[in-house]
């Protein structure tokens, strides 16, 4: 199964980005996690089918309603075998 590490840069903390990401990922049957990073970005580890991962990546370019996304960086990574999609703190 494909897996992506996604870094979302911009005004993405304090705007419900993690909760919105979790909702979107769950609707796409994507497994993994999302968390805030110390540098103000949001990191997503996502596993799922290629179409679902592409849709999540496209969604990340806009994000939650109040987010102001400047950049999305996507890297293919090794699958870890997550069983659900979680918000990590």
PDB file of N, CA and C in Angstrom:
ATOM      1  N   UNK A   1       0.851  -1.187   0.000  1.00  0.00           N
ATOM      2  CA  UNK A   1       0.000   0.000   0.000  1.00  0.00           C
ATOM      3  C   UNK A   1       0.891   1.243   0.000  1.00  0.00           C
ATOM      4  N   UNK A   2       0.596   2.224  -0.826  1.00  0.00           N
ATOM      5  CA  UNK A   2       1.397   3.455  -0.854  1.00  0.00           C
ATOM      6  C   UNK A   2       1.279   4.230   0.458  1.00  0.00           C
ATOM      7  N   UNK A   3       2.318   4.971   0.772  1.00  0.00           N
ATOM      8  CA  UNK A   3       2.325   5.798   1.982  1.00  0.00           C
ATOM      9  C   UNK A   3       3.022   7.121   1.680  1.00  0.00           C
ATOM     10  N   UNK A   4       2.476   8.200   2.217  1.00  0.00           N
ATOM     11  CA  UNK A   4       3.027   9.540   2.011  1.00  0.00           C
ATOM     12  C   UNK A   4       3.301  10.206   3.355  1.00  0.00           C
ATOM     13  N   UNK A   5       4.355  10.999   3.370  1.00  0.00           N
ATOM     14  CA  UNK A   5       4.586  11.965   4.432  1.00  0.00           C
ATOM     15  C   UNK A   5       4.285  13.322   3.802  1.00  0.00           C
ATOM     16  N   UNK A   6       3.367  14.055   4.414  1.00  0.00           N
ATOM     17  CA  UNK A   6       2.921  15.332   3.856  1.00  0.00           C
ATOM     18  C   UNK A   6       3.201  16.429   4.886  1.00  0.00           C
ATOM     19  N   UNK A   7       3.891  17.478   4.444  1.00  0.00           N
ATOM     20  CA  UNK A   7       4.146  18.637   5.302  1.00  0.00           C
ATOM     21  C   UNK A   7       3.369  19.813   4.725  1.00  0.00           C
ATOM     22  N   UNK A   8       2.500  20.394   5.557  1.00  0.00           N
ATOM     23  CA  UNK A   8       1.679  21.512   5.125  1.00  0.00           C
ATOM     24  C   UNK A   8       2.190  22.767   5.834  1.00  0.00           C
ATOM     25  N   UNK A   9       2.571  23.762   5.040  1.00  0.00           N
ATOM     26  CA  UNK A   9       3.195  24.983   5.550  1.00  0.00           C
ATOM     27  C   UNK A   9       2.246  26.160   5.326  1.00  0.00           C
ATOM     28  N   UNK A  10       2.165  27.035   6.319  1.00  0.00           N
ATOM     29  CA  UNK A  10       1.325  28.234   6.235  1.00  0.00           C
ATOM     30  C   UNK A  10       0.654  28.465   7.575  1.00  0.00           C
ATOM     31  N   UNK A  11      -0.489  29.138   7.556  1.00  0.00           N
ATOM     32  CA  UNK A  11      -1.271  29.321   8.791  1.00  0.00           C
ATOM     33  C   UNK A  11      -2.171  28.094   8.904  1.00  0.00           C
ATOM     34  N   UNK A  12      -1.617  27.056   9.518  1.00  0.00           N
ATOM     35  CA  UNK A  12      -2.309  25.766   9.583  1.00  0.00           C
ATOM     36  C   UNK A  12      -2.444  25.232  11.012  1.00  0.00           C
ATOM     37  N   UNK A  13      -2.002  26.002  11.982  1.00  0.00           N
ATOM     38  CA  UNK A  13      -2.203  25.612  13.378  1.00  0.00           C
ATOM     39  C   UNK A  13      -3.205  26.577  14.001  1.00  0.00           C
ATOM     40  N   UNK A  14      -4.097  26.030  14.842  1.00  0.00           N
ATOM     41  CA  UNK A  14      -5.104  26.854  15.493  1.00  0.00           C
ATOM     42  C   UNK A  14      -6.280  27.180  14.584  1.00  0.00           C
ATOM     43  N   UNK A  15      -6.431  26.428  13.478  1.00  0.00           N
ATOM     44  CA  UNK A  15      -7.515  26.679  12.524  1.00  0.00           C
ATOM     45  C   UNK A  15      -8.273  25.381  12.214  1.00  0.00           C
ATOM     46  N   UNK A  16      -8.244  24.436  13.149  1.00  0.00           N
ATOM     47  CA  UNK A  16      -8.928  23.143  13.031  1.00  0.00           C
ATOM     48  C   UNK A  16      -8.399  22.293  11.864  1.00  0.00           C
ATOM     49  N   UNK A  17      -7.133  22.518  11.484  1.00  0.00           N
ATOM     50  CA  UNK A  17      -6.565  21.767  10.365  1.00  0.00           C
ATOM     51  C   UNK A  17      -6.451  20.284  10.691  1.00  0.00           C
ATOM     52  N   UNK A  18      -5.997  19.941  11.901  1.00  0.00           N
ATOM     53  CA  UNK A  18      -5.844  18.526  12.255  1.00  0.00           C
ATOM     54  C   UNK A  18      -7.184  17.798  12.262  1.00  0.00           C
ATOM     55  N   UNK A  19      -8.195  18.394  12.878  1.00  0.00           N
ATOM     56  CA  UNK A  19      -9.513  17.757  12.932  1.00  0.00           C
ATOM     57  C   UNK A  19     -10.105  17.611  11.532  1.00  0.00           C
ATOM     58  N   UNK A  20      -9.950  18.632  10.710  1.00  0.00           N
ATOM     59  CA  UNK A  20     -10.452  18.567   9.340  1.00  0.00           C
ATOM     60  C   UNK A  20      -9.702  17.519   8.527  1.00  0.00           C
ATOM     61  N   UNK A  21      -8.402  17.405   8.763  1.00  0.00           N
ATOM     62  CA  UNK A  21      -7.603  16.389   8.077  1.00  0.00           C
ATOM     63  C   UNK A  21      -8.069  14.992   8.479  1.00  0.00           C
ATOM     64  N   UNK A  22      -8.322  14.803   9.771  1.00  0.00           N
ATOM     65  CA  UNK A  22      -8.797  13.506  10.234  1.00  0.00           C
ATOM     66  C   UNK A  22     -10.124  13.154   9.573  1.00  0.00           C
ATOM     67  N   UNK A  23     -11.052  14.097   9.511  1.00  0.00           N
ATOM     68  CA  UNK A  23     -12.346  13.849   8.863  1.00  0.00           C
ATOM     69  C   UNK A  23     -12.158  13.456   7.398  1.00  0.00           C
ATOM     70  N   UNK A  24     -11.321  14.220   6.676  1.00  0.00           N
ATOM     71  CA  UNK A  24     -11.090  13.945   5.262  1.00  0.00           C
ATOM     72  C   UNK A  24     -10.441  12.576   5.077  1.00  0.00           C
ATOM     73  N   UNK A  25      -9.425  12.283   5.875  1.00  0.00           N
ATOM     74  CA  UNK A  25      -8.723  11.002   5.761  1.00  0.00           C
ATOM     75  C   UNK A  25      -9.673   9.834   6.035  1.00  0.00           C
ATOM     76  N   UNK A  26     -10.482   9.957   7.059  1.00  0.00           N
ATOM     77  CA  UNK A  26     -11.419   8.883   7.389  1.00  0.00           C
ATOM     78  C   UNK A  26     -12.440   8.690   6.273  1.00  0.00           C
ATOM     79  N   UNK A  27     -12.884   9.774   5.651  1.00  0.00           N
ATOM     80  CA  UNK A  27     -13.849   9.651   4.559  1.00  0.00           C
ATOM     81  C   UNK A  27     -13.230   8.964   3.343  1.00  0.00           C
ATOM     82  N   UNK A  28     -11.895   9.078   3.208  1.00  0.00           N
ATOM     83  CA  UNK A  28     -11.178   8.451   2.098  1.00  0.00           C
ATOM     84  C   UNK A  28     -10.614   7.075   2.466  1.00  0.00           C
ATOM     85  N   UNK A  29     -10.894   6.620   3.701  1.00  0.00           N
ATOM     86  CA  UNK A  29     -10.385   5.337   4.204  1.00  0.00           C
ATOM     87  C   UNK A  29      -8.855   5.301   4.250  1.00  0.00           C
ATOM     88  N   UNK A  30      -8.264   6.445   4.587  1.00  0.00           N
ATOM     89  CA  UNK A  30      -6.822   6.566   4.748  1.00  0.00           C
ATOM     90  C   UNK A  30      -6.480   6.334   6.211  1.00  0.00           C
ATOM     91  N   UNK A  31      -5.390   5.637   6.453  1.00  0.00           N
ATOM     92  CA  UNK A  31      -4.903   5.364   7.811  1.00  0.00           C
ATOM     93  C   UNK A  31      -3.637   6.192   8.045  1.00  0.00           C
ATOM     94  N   UNK A  32      -3.357   6.495   9.321  1.00  0.00           N
ATOM     95  CA  UNK A  32      -2.135   7.231   9.654  1.00  0.00           C
ATOM     96  C   UNK A  32      -2.362   8.203  10.784  1.00  0.00           C
ATOM     97  N   UNK A  33      -1.755   9.396  10.668  1.00  0.00           N
ATOM     98  CA  UNK A  33      -1.873  10.395  11.733  1.00  0.00           C
ATOM     99  C   UNK A  33      -1.564  11.795  11.205  1.00  0.00           C
ATOM    100  N   UNK A  34      -1.939  12.784  12.023  1.00  0.00           N
ATOM    101  CA  UNK A  34      -1.656  14.187  11.749  1.00  0.00           C
ATOM    102  C   UNK A  34      -1.220  14.834  13.057  1.00  0.00           C
ATOM    103  N   UNK A  35      -0.253  15.748  12.989  1.00  0.00           N
ATOM    104  CA  UNK A  35       0.177  16.457  14.207  1.00  0.00           C
ATOM    105  C   UNK A  35       0.751  17.825  13.841  1.00  0.00           C
ATOM    106  N   UNK A  36       0.711  18.736  14.826  1.00  0.00           N
ATOM    107  CA  UNK A  36       1.367  20.031  14.693  1.00  0.00           C
ATOM    108  C   UNK A  36       2.857  19.848  14.901  1.00  0.00           C
ATOM    109  N   UNK A  37       3.645  20.588  14.134  1.00  0.00           N
ATOM    110  CA  UNK A  37       5.100  20.563  14.274  1.00  0.00           C
ATOM    111  C   UNK A  37       5.567  21.846  14.968  1.00  0.00           C
ATOM    112  N   UNK A  38       6.721  21.801  15.644  1.00  0.00           N
ATOM    113  CA  UNK A  38       7.223  22.984  16.347  1.00  0.00           C
ATOM    114  C   UNK A  38       7.453  24.198  15.436  1.00  0.00           C
ATOM    115  N   UNK A  39       7.699  23.965  14.141  1.00  0.00           N
ATOM    116  CA  UNK A  39       7.971  25.079  13.219  1.00  0.00           C
ATOM    117  C   UNK A  39       6.703  25.752  12.689  1.00  0.00           C
ATOM    118  N   UNK A  40       5.515  25.331  13.186  1.00  0.00           N
ATOM    119  CA  UNK A  40       4.255  25.930  12.763  1.00  0.00           C
ATOM    120  C   UNK A  40       3.567  25.193  11.630  1.00  0.00           C
ATOM    121  N   UNK A  41       4.215  24.185  11.084  1.00  0.00           N
ATOM    122  CA  UNK A  41       3.613  23.392  10.017  1.00  0.00           C
ATOM    123  C   UNK A  41       2.788  22.254  10.608  1.00  0.00           C
ATOM    124  N   UNK A  42       2.130  21.513   9.727  1.00  0.00           N
ATOM    125  CA  UNK A  42       1.404  20.312  10.120  1.00  0.00           C
ATOM    126  C   UNK A  42       2.000  19.152   9.337  1.00  0.00           C
ATOM    127  N   UNK A  43       2.254  18.030  10.018  1.00  0.00           N
ATOM    128  CA  UNK A  43       2.798  16.815   9.397  1.00  0.00           C
ATOM    129  C   UNK A  43       1.707  15.759   9.352  1.00  0.00           C
ATOM    130  N   UNK A  44       1.603  15.106   8.198  1.00  0.00           N
ATOM    131  CA  UNK A  44       0.634  14.028   8.014  1.00  0.00           C
ATOM    132  C   UNK A  44       1.385  12.796   7.523  1.00  0.00           C
ATOM    133  N   UNK A  45       1.146  11.658   8.152  1.00  0.00           N
ATOM    134  CA  UNK A  45       1.609  10.361   7.651  1.00  0.00           C
ATOM    135  C   UNK A  45       0.344   9.649   7.187  1.00  0.00           C
ATOM    136  N   UNK A  46       0.287   9.273   5.921  1.00  0.00           N
ATOM    137  CA  UNK A  46      -0.949   8.740   5.361  1.00  0.00           C
ATOM    138  C   UNK A  46      -0.681   7.489   4.533  1.00  0.00           C
ATOM    139  N   UNK A  47      -1.528   6.484   4.712  1.00  0.00           N
ATOM    140  CA  UNK A  47      -1.452   5.235   3.955  1.00  0.00           C
ATOM    141  C   UNK A  47      -2.819   4.930   3.369  1.00  0.00           C
ATOM    142  N   UNK A  48      -2.841   4.539   2.112  1.00  0.00           N
ATOM    143  CA  UNK A  48      -4.106   4.207   1.465  1.00  0.00           C
ATOM    144  C   UNK A  48      -3.878   3.947  -0.003  1.00  0.00           C
ATOM    145  N   UNK A  49      -4.973   3.862  -0.757  1.00  0.00           N
ATOM    146  CA  UNK A  49      -4.787   3.651  -2.182  1.00  0.00           C
ATOM    147  C   UNK A  49      -4.343   4.953  -2.838  1.00  0.00           C
ATOM    148  N   UNK A  50      -3.750   4.844  -4.001  1.00  0.00           N
ATOM    149  CA  UNK A  50      -3.131   5.999  -4.663  1.00  0.00           C
ATOM    150  C   UNK A  50      -4.146   7.109  -4.924  1.00  0.00           C
ATOM    151  N   UNK A  51      -5.330   6.767  -5.384  1.00  0.00           N
ATOM    152  CA  UNK A  51      -6.341   7.792  -5.671  1.00  0.00           C
ATOM    153  C   UNK A  51      -6.737   8.553  -4.410  1.00  0.00           C
ATOM    154  N   UNK A  52      -6.920   7.843  -3.305  1.00  0.00           N
ATOM    155  CA  UNK A  52      -7.287   8.485  -2.044  1.00  0.00           C
ATOM    156  C   UNK A  52      -6.160   9.392  -1.556  1.00  0.00           C
ATOM    157  N   UNK A  53      -4.921   8.940  -1.672  1.00  0.00           N
ATOM    158  CA  UNK A  53      -3.788   9.766  -1.246  1.00  0.00           C
ATOM    159  C   UNK A  53      -3.668  11.014  -2.100  1.00  0.00           C
ATOM    160  N   UNK A  54      -3.908  10.895  -3.394  1.00  0.00           N
ATOM    161  CA  UNK A  54      -3.882  12.075  -4.273  1.00  0.00           C
ATOM    162  C   UNK A  54      -4.975  13.061  -3.894  1.00  0.00           C
ATOM    163  N   UNK A  55      -6.159  12.523  -3.580  1.00  0.00           N
ATOM    164  CA  UNK A  55      -7.261  13.401  -3.182  1.00  0.00           C
ATOM    165  C   UNK A  55      -6.946  14.117  -1.872  1.00  0.00           C
ATOM    166  N   UNK A  56      -6.354  13.412  -0.910  1.00  0.00           N
ATOM    167  CA  UNK A  56      -5.957  14.042   0.347  1.00  0.00           C
ATOM    168  C   UNK A  56      -4.911  15.123   0.096  1.00  0.00           C
ATOM    169  N   UNK A  57      -3.939  14.831  -0.742  1.00  0.00           N
ATOM    170  CA  UNK A  57      -2.892  15.807  -1.054  1.00  0.00           C
ATOM    171  C   UNK A  57      -3.485  17.053  -1.702  1.00  0.00           C
ATOM    172  N   UNK A  58      -4.406  16.865  -2.626  1.00  0.00           N
ATOM    173  CA  UNK A  58      -5.076  18.002  -3.262  1.00  0.00           C
ATOM    174  C   UNK A  58      -5.851  18.802  -2.227  1.00  0.00           C
ATOM    175  N   UNK A  59      -6.568  18.105  -1.328  1.00  0.00           N
ATOM    176  CA  UNK A  59      -7.319  18.769  -0.271  1.00  0.00           C
ATOM    177  C   UNK A  59      -6.386  19.607   0.615  1.00  0.00           C
ATOM    178  N   UNK A  60      -5.194  19.099   0.886  1.00  0.00           N
ATOM    179  CA  UNK A  60      -4.242  19.801   1.762  1.00  0.00           C
ATOM    180  C   UNK A  60      -3.857  21.177   1.225  1.00  0.00           C
ATOM    181  N   UNK A  61      -3.956  21.381  -0.074  1.00  0.00           N
ATOM    182  CA  UNK A  61      -3.611  22.681  -0.652  1.00  0.00           C
ATOM    183  C   UNK A  61      -4.574  23.783  -0.219  1.00  0.00           C
ATOM    184  N   UNK A  62      -5.749  23.410   0.273  1.00  0.00           N
ATOM    185  CA  UNK A  62      -6.706  24.380   0.813  1.00  0.00           C
ATOM    186  C   UNK A  62      -6.910  24.163   2.302  1.00  0.00           C
ATOM    187  N   UNK A  63      -7.095  22.910   2.703  1.00  0.00           N
ATOM    188  CA  UNK A  63      -7.237  22.568   4.111  1.00  0.00           C
ATOM    189  C   UNK A  63      -8.550  23.021   4.709  1.00  0.00           C
ATOM    190  N   UNK A  64      -8.534  23.276   6.002  1.00  0.00           N
ATOM    191  CA  UNK A  64      -9.739  23.697   6.720  1.00  0.00           C
ATOM    192  C   UNK A  64     -10.128  25.109   6.279  1.00  0.00           C
ATOM    193  N   UNK A  65     -11.337  25.510   6.640  1.00  0.00           N
ATOM    194  CA  UNK A  65     -11.875  26.796   6.184  1.00  0.00           C
ATOM    195  C   UNK A  65     -10.995  27.992   6.515  1.00  0.00           C
ATOM    196  N   UNK A  66     -10.379  28.007   7.690  1.00  0.00           N
ATOM    197  CA  UNK A  66      -9.597  29.168   8.119  1.00  0.00           C
ATOM    198  C   UNK A  66      -8.109  29.030   7.823  1.00  0.00           C
ATOM    199  N   UNK A  67      -7.695  27.907   7.263  1.00  0.00           N
ATOM    200  CA  UNK A  67      -6.274  27.698   6.957  1.00  0.00           C
ATOM    201  C   UNK A  67      -5.837  28.587   5.790  1.00  0.00           C
ATOM    202  N   UNK A  68      -4.563  28.959   5.816  1.00  0.00           N
ATOM    203  CA  UNK A  68      -3.946  29.695   4.710  1.00  0.00           C
ATOM    204  C   UNK A  68      -2.690  28.916   4.319  1.00  0.00           C
ATOM    205  N   UNK A  69      -2.861  27.974   3.416  1.00  0.00           N
ATOM    206  CA  UNK A  69      -1.777  27.074   3.020  1.00  0.00           C
ATOM    207  C   UNK A  69      -0.862  27.778   2.030  1.00  0.00           C
ATOM    208  N   UNK A  70       0.449  27.742   2.329  1.00  0.00           N
ATOM    209  CA  UNK A  70       1.445  28.332   1.438  1.00  0.00           C
ATOM    210  C   UNK A  70       2.130  27.268   0.590  1.00  0.00           C
ATOM    211  N   UNK A  71       2.334  26.089   1.169  1.00  0.00           N
ATOM    212  CA  UNK A  71       3.082  25.048   0.463  1.00  0.00           C
ATOM    213  C   UNK A  71       2.717  23.679   1.028  1.00  0.00           C
ATOM    214  N   UNK A  72       2.698  22.679   0.150  1.00  0.00           N
ATOM    215  CA  UNK A  72       2.492  21.291   0.547  1.00  0.00           C
ATOM    216  C   UNK A  72       3.647  20.478  -0.029  1.00  0.00           C
ATOM    217  N   UNK A  73       4.378  19.788   0.839  1.00  0.00           N
ATOM    218  CA  UNK A  73       5.520  18.976   0.419  1.00  0.00           C
ATOM    219  C   UNK A  73       5.164  17.511   0.663  1.00  0.00           C
ATOM    220  N   UNK A  74       5.243  16.702  -0.391  1.00  0.00           N
ATOM    221  CA  UNK A  74       4.845  15.296  -0.309  1.00  0.00           C
ATOM    222  C   UNK A  74       6.041  14.409  -0.627  1.00  0.00           C
ATOM    223  N   UNK A  75       6.286  13.435   0.244  1.00  0.00           N
ATOM    224  CA  UNK A  75       7.336  12.442   0.023  1.00  0.00           C
ATOM    225  C   UNK A  75       6.735  11.057   0.156  1.00  0.00           C
ATOM    226  N   UNK A  76       7.118  10.149  -0.741  1.00  0.00           N
ATOM    227  CA  UNK A  76       6.724   8.752  -0.581  1.00  0.00           C
ATOM    228  C   UNK A  76       7.592   8.131   0.499  1.00  0.00           C
ATOM    229  N   UNK A  77       6.964   7.344   1.372  1.00  0.00           N
ATOM    230  CA  UNK A  77       7.669   6.716   2.487  1.00  0.00           C
ATOM    231  C   UNK A  77       7.274   5.248   2.563  1.00  0.00           C
ATOM    232  N   UNK A  78       7.920   4.525   3.460  1.00  0.00           N
ATOM    233  CA  UNK A  78       7.583   3.122   3.700  1.00  0.00           C
ATOM    234  C   UNK A  78       6.291   3.029   4.500  1.00  0.00           C
ATOM    235  N   UNK A  79       5.459   2.080   4.157  1.00  0.00           N
ATOM    236  CA  UNK A  79       4.220   1.828   4.877  1.00  0.00           C
ATOM    237  C   UNK A  79       4.527   1.312   6.289  1.00  0.00           C
ATOM    238  N   UNK A  80       3.752   1.790   7.276  1.00  0.00           N
ATOM    239  CA  UNK A  80       3.927   1.332   8.651  1.00  0.00           C
ATOM    240  C   UNK A  80       2.784   0.434   9.114  1.00  0.00           C
ATOM    241  N   UNK A  81       1.679   0.385   8.380  1.00  0.00           N
ATOM    242  CA  UNK A  81       0.574  -0.501   8.735  1.00  0.00           C
ATOM    243  C   UNK A  81      -0.343   0.039   9.811  1.00  0.00           C
ATOM    244  N   UNK A  82      -0.710   1.312   9.727  1.00  0.00           N
ATOM    245  CA  UNK A  82      -1.629   1.905  10.705  1.00  0.00           C
ATOM    246  C   UNK A  82      -3.013   1.269  10.589  1.00  0.00           C
ATOM    247  N   UNK A  83      -3.752   1.240  11.701  1.00  0.00           N
ATOM    248  CA  UNK A  83      -5.079   0.637  11.703  1.00  0.00           C
ATOM    249  C   UNK A  83      -6.197   1.683  11.683  1.00  0.00           C
ATOM    250  N   UNK A  84      -5.855   2.962  11.892  1.00  0.00           N
ATOM    251  CA  UNK A  84      -6.843   4.037  11.906  1.00  0.00           C
ATOM    252  C   UNK A  84      -6.134   5.354  11.612  1.00  0.00           C
ATOM    253  N   UNK A  85      -6.880   6.456  11.577  1.00  0.00           N
ATOM    254  CA  UNK A  85      -6.267   7.764  11.398  1.00  0.00           C
ATOM    255  C   UNK A  85      -6.462   8.560  12.678  1.00  0.00           C
ATOM    256  N   UNK A  86      -5.352   9.010  13.281  1.00  0.00           N
ATOM    257  CA  UNK A  86      -5.371   9.657  14.592  1.00  0.00           C
ATOM    258  C   UNK A  86      -4.823  11.074  14.526  1.00  0.00           C
ATOM    259  N   UNK A  87      -5.267  11.885  15.476  1.00  0.00           N
ATOM    260  CA  UNK A  87      -4.643  13.179  15.732  1.00  0.00           C
ATOM    261  C   UNK A  87      -3.608  12.936  16.820  1.00  0.00           C
ATOM    262  N   UNK A  88      -2.365  13.285  16.535  1.00  0.00           N
ATOM    263  CA  UNK A  88      -1.306  13.146  17.541  1.00  0.00           C
ATOM    264  C   UNK A  88      -0.970  14.508  18.097  1.00  0.00           C
ATOM    265  N   UNK A  89      -0.599  14.511  19.380  1.00  0.00           N
ATOM    266  CA  UNK A  89      -0.239  15.765  20.045  1.00  0.00           C
ATOM    267  C   UNK A  89       1.189  15.740  20.473  1.00  0.00           C
TER     268      UNK A  89
END
